[in-house]
């Protein structure tokens, strides 16, 4: 069976290290200490940082949930 992964390249308005600090501060709410851990927590999804402010997200079938979360809760993110 062939798998179809969706890919999203995302550019952030601030360094990922700053975003990860926010996750660390809200660890009880998110249950993780970084954006990568949060995205990787979605089954079949992977977060790969490619620069200080950019990442590639791939997901087999959870991309719509990831995008919904980003649009609702991550005001500091911009799609590209």
N, C-alpha and C. Protein backbone atom coordinates (compact mmCIF):
# COMPACT_ATOMS: atom_id res chain seq x y z
N UNK A 1 0.84 -1.19 0.00
CA UNK A 1 0.00 0.00 0.00
C UNK A 1 0.88 1.25 0.00
N UNK A 2 0.66 2.13 -0.91
CA UNK A 2 1.43 3.37 -1.01
C UNK A 2 0.91 4.39 -0.01
N UNK A 3 1.85 5.06 0.66
CA UNK A 3 1.48 6.08 1.63
C UNK A 3 1.61 7.44 0.98
N UNK A 4 0.67 8.31 1.27
CA UNK A 4 0.69 9.68 0.75
C UNK A 4 0.91 10.65 1.89
N UNK A 5 2.08 11.24 1.91
CA UNK A 5 2.41 12.21 2.94
C UNK A 5 2.22 13.63 2.41
N UNK A 6 1.62 14.46 3.24
CA UNK A 6 1.52 15.88 2.93
C UNK A 6 2.74 16.57 3.53
N UNK A 7 3.20 17.61 2.87
CA UNK A 7 4.36 18.35 3.35
C UNK A 7 4.02 19.83 3.44
N UNK A 8 4.43 20.43 4.53
CA UNK A 8 4.20 21.85 4.77
C UNK A 8 5.53 22.48 5.18
N UNK A 9 5.94 23.50 4.47
CA UNK A 9 7.11 24.29 4.87
C UNK A 9 6.57 25.51 5.59
N UNK A 10 7.07 25.75 6.78
CA UNK A 10 6.55 26.82 7.61
C UNK A 10 7.68 27.73 8.06
N UNK A 11 7.40 29.02 8.04
CA UNK A 11 8.35 30.03 8.50
C UNK A 11 7.76 30.72 9.73
N UNK A 12 8.55 30.84 10.76
CA UNK A 12 8.10 31.43 12.01
C UNK A 12 8.56 32.87 12.11
N UNK A 13 7.84 33.66 12.87
CA UNK A 13 8.18 35.07 13.07
C UNK A 13 9.27 35.27 14.11
N UNK A 14 9.67 34.21 14.77
CA UNK A 14 10.75 34.28 15.75
C UNK A 14 11.47 32.94 15.78
N UNK A 15 12.66 32.90 16.35
CA UNK A 15 13.43 31.66 16.36
C UNK A 15 12.69 30.53 17.09
N UNK A 16 12.90 29.34 16.61
CA UNK A 16 12.26 28.18 17.23
C UNK A 16 12.69 28.00 18.68
N UNK A 17 13.88 28.44 19.03
CA UNK A 17 14.31 28.35 20.43
C UNK A 17 13.38 29.16 21.34
N UNK A 18 12.89 30.28 20.86
CA UNK A 18 11.95 31.10 21.64
C UNK A 18 10.59 30.41 21.75
N UNK A 19 10.15 29.81 20.67
CA UNK A 19 8.88 29.08 20.69
C UNK A 19 8.97 27.90 21.65
N UNK A 20 10.11 27.20 21.62
CA UNK A 20 10.29 26.07 22.53
C UNK A 20 10.27 26.50 23.99
N UNK A 21 10.77 27.70 24.30
CA UNK A 21 10.72 28.22 25.67
C UNK A 21 9.28 28.35 26.13
N UNK A 22 8.40 28.76 25.21
CA UNK A 22 6.97 28.88 25.55
C UNK A 22 6.39 27.51 25.87
N UNK A 23 6.81 26.48 25.12
CA UNK A 23 6.34 25.12 25.41
C UNK A 23 6.85 24.67 26.77
N UNK A 24 8.11 24.97 27.08
CA UNK A 24 8.68 24.60 28.37
C UNK A 24 7.90 25.25 29.51
N UNK A 25 7.54 26.52 29.33
CA UNK A 25 6.80 27.25 30.37
C UNK A 25 5.39 26.69 30.54
N UNK A 26 4.83 26.14 29.49
CA UNK A 26 3.46 25.61 29.53
C UNK A 26 3.45 24.08 29.43
N UNK A 27 4.50 23.45 29.96
CA UNK A 27 4.64 22.00 29.83
C UNK A 27 3.42 21.24 30.35
N UNK A 28 2.84 21.69 31.44
CA UNK A 28 1.67 20.99 31.98
C UNK A 28 0.51 21.01 30.99
N UNK A 29 0.34 22.11 30.28
CA UNK A 29 -0.75 22.21 29.32
C UNK A 29 -0.46 21.36 28.08
N UNK A 30 0.76 21.47 27.54
CA UNK A 30 1.09 20.77 26.30
C UNK A 30 1.57 19.34 26.52
N UNK A 31 2.17 19.06 27.66
CA UNK A 31 2.70 17.73 27.93
C UNK A 31 4.02 17.44 27.23
N UNK A 32 4.60 18.46 26.63
CA UNK A 32 5.89 18.33 25.94
C UNK A 32 6.68 19.61 26.15
N UNK A 33 7.98 19.58 25.79
CA UNK A 33 8.84 20.74 26.02
C UNK A 33 9.27 21.45 24.75
N UNK A 34 8.74 21.03 23.59
CA UNK A 34 9.13 21.69 22.34
C UNK A 34 8.04 21.52 21.29
N UNK A 35 8.09 22.39 20.30
CA UNK A 35 7.16 22.28 19.19
C UNK A 35 7.39 20.98 18.43
N UNK A 36 8.65 20.59 18.27
CA UNK A 36 8.96 19.33 17.59
C UNK A 36 8.29 18.16 18.30
N UNK A 37 8.42 18.09 19.62
CA UNK A 37 7.78 17.01 20.37
C UNK A 37 6.27 17.03 20.18
N UNK A 38 5.70 18.23 20.15
CA UNK A 38 4.26 18.37 19.99
C UNK A 38 3.81 17.83 18.63
N UNK A 39 4.46 18.26 17.55
CA UNK A 39 4.09 17.83 16.20
C UNK A 39 4.38 16.34 16.03
N UNK A 40 5.55 15.89 16.49
CA UNK A 40 5.90 14.48 16.36
C UNK A 40 4.94 13.58 17.13
N UNK A 41 4.22 14.16 18.10
CA UNK A 41 3.24 13.40 18.88
C UNK A 41 2.02 12.99 18.07
N UNK A 42 1.77 13.67 16.96
CA UNK A 42 0.69 13.26 16.07
C UNK A 42 1.17 12.04 15.28
N UNK A 43 0.40 10.99 15.30
CA UNK A 43 0.79 9.77 14.59
C UNK A 43 1.08 10.06 13.13
N UNK A 44 2.14 9.51 12.63
CA UNK A 44 2.60 9.61 11.23
C UNK A 44 3.10 11.01 10.87
N UNK A 45 3.37 11.86 11.86
CA UNK A 45 3.79 13.24 11.59
C UNK A 45 5.21 13.48 12.09
N UNK A 46 5.94 14.30 11.34
CA UNK A 46 7.32 14.63 11.70
C UNK A 46 7.59 16.10 11.49
N UNK A 47 8.36 16.67 12.41
CA UNK A 47 8.78 18.07 12.39
C UNK A 47 10.28 18.08 12.21
N UNK A 48 10.77 18.75 11.16
CA UNK A 48 12.19 18.84 10.90
C UNK A 48 12.58 20.30 10.77
N UNK A 49 13.40 20.77 11.69
CA UNK A 49 13.87 22.16 11.64
C UNK A 49 14.93 22.27 10.55
N UNK A 50 14.79 23.30 9.68
CA UNK A 50 15.77 23.48 8.60
C UNK A 50 16.55 24.77 8.73
N UNK A 51 16.14 25.66 9.61
CA UNK A 51 16.90 26.88 9.91
C UNK A 51 16.41 27.38 11.26
N UNK A 52 16.94 28.52 11.66
CA UNK A 52 16.55 29.09 12.95
C UNK A 52 15.05 29.37 13.03
N UNK A 53 14.44 29.69 11.88
CA UNK A 53 13.02 30.09 11.88
C UNK A 53 12.15 29.27 10.92
N UNK A 54 12.69 28.20 10.33
CA UNK A 54 11.92 27.42 9.37
C UNK A 54 11.92 25.93 9.70
N UNK A 55 10.84 25.28 9.29
CA UNK A 55 10.73 23.84 9.50
C UNK A 55 9.89 23.23 8.39
N UNK A 56 10.06 21.94 8.24
CA UNK A 56 9.24 21.13 7.34
C UNK A 56 8.42 20.19 8.21
N UNK A 57 7.13 20.16 7.96
CA UNK A 57 6.25 19.24 8.66
C UNK A 57 5.71 18.27 7.63
N UNK A 58 5.81 16.97 7.92
CA UNK A 58 5.21 15.96 7.04
C UNK A 58 4.23 15.15 7.88
N UNK A 59 3.16 14.73 7.22
CA UNK A 59 2.17 13.91 7.91
C UNK A 59 1.40 13.08 6.90
N UNK A 60 1.16 11.85 7.28
CA UNK A 60 0.41 10.96 6.39
C UNK A 60 -1.08 11.31 6.40
N UNK A 61 -1.64 11.53 7.58
CA UNK A 61 -3.08 11.79 7.62
C UNK A 61 -3.51 12.74 8.73
N UNK A 62 -2.59 13.41 9.38
CA UNK A 62 -2.96 14.34 10.45
C UNK A 62 -2.68 15.79 10.13
N UNK A 63 -2.30 16.11 8.90
CA UNK A 63 -1.94 17.48 8.57
C UNK A 63 -3.08 18.46 8.85
N UNK A 64 -4.30 18.06 8.58
CA UNK A 64 -5.41 18.99 8.82
C UNK A 64 -5.52 19.36 10.30
N UNK A 65 -5.25 18.42 11.20
CA UNK A 65 -5.29 18.71 12.64
C UNK A 65 -4.13 19.64 13.03
N UNK A 66 -2.98 19.40 12.45
CA UNK A 66 -1.81 20.23 12.74
C UNK A 66 -2.05 21.66 12.25
N UNK A 67 -2.53 21.81 11.04
CA UNK A 67 -2.81 23.14 10.49
C UNK A 67 -3.88 23.85 11.31
N UNK A 68 -4.92 23.13 11.70
CA UNK A 68 -5.97 23.73 12.54
C UNK A 68 -5.38 24.26 13.85
N UNK A 69 -4.51 23.46 14.47
CA UNK A 69 -3.90 23.89 15.73
C UNK A 69 -3.05 25.13 15.51
N UNK A 70 -2.23 25.13 14.47
CA UNK A 70 -1.37 26.28 14.19
C UNK A 70 -2.21 27.53 13.95
N UNK A 71 -3.28 27.41 13.17
CA UNK A 71 -4.12 28.57 12.88
C UNK A 71 -4.81 29.11 14.13
N UNK A 72 -5.15 28.24 15.06
CA UNK A 72 -5.87 28.68 16.25
C UNK A 72 -4.98 29.15 17.39
N UNK A 73 -3.87 28.47 17.59
CA UNK A 73 -3.10 28.71 18.81
C UNK A 73 -1.70 29.29 18.59
N UNK A 74 -1.20 29.27 17.42
CA UNK A 74 0.18 29.71 17.20
C UNK A 74 0.22 30.99 16.40
N UNK A 75 -0.09 32.09 17.05
CA UNK A 75 -0.14 33.38 16.38
C UNK A 75 1.20 33.80 15.81
N UNK A 76 2.28 33.23 16.34
CA UNK A 76 3.63 33.62 15.92
C UNK A 76 4.12 32.85 14.71
N UNK A 77 3.25 32.13 14.03
CA UNK A 77 3.66 31.33 12.89
C UNK A 77 3.04 31.87 11.60
N UNK A 78 3.77 31.74 10.54
CA UNK A 78 3.29 32.19 9.23
C UNK A 78 3.55 31.08 8.23
N UNK A 79 2.58 30.75 7.41
CA UNK A 79 2.77 29.73 6.39
C UNK A 79 3.50 30.30 5.19
N UNK A 80 4.29 29.47 4.58
CA UNK A 80 4.93 29.84 3.33
C UNK A 80 4.97 28.62 2.42
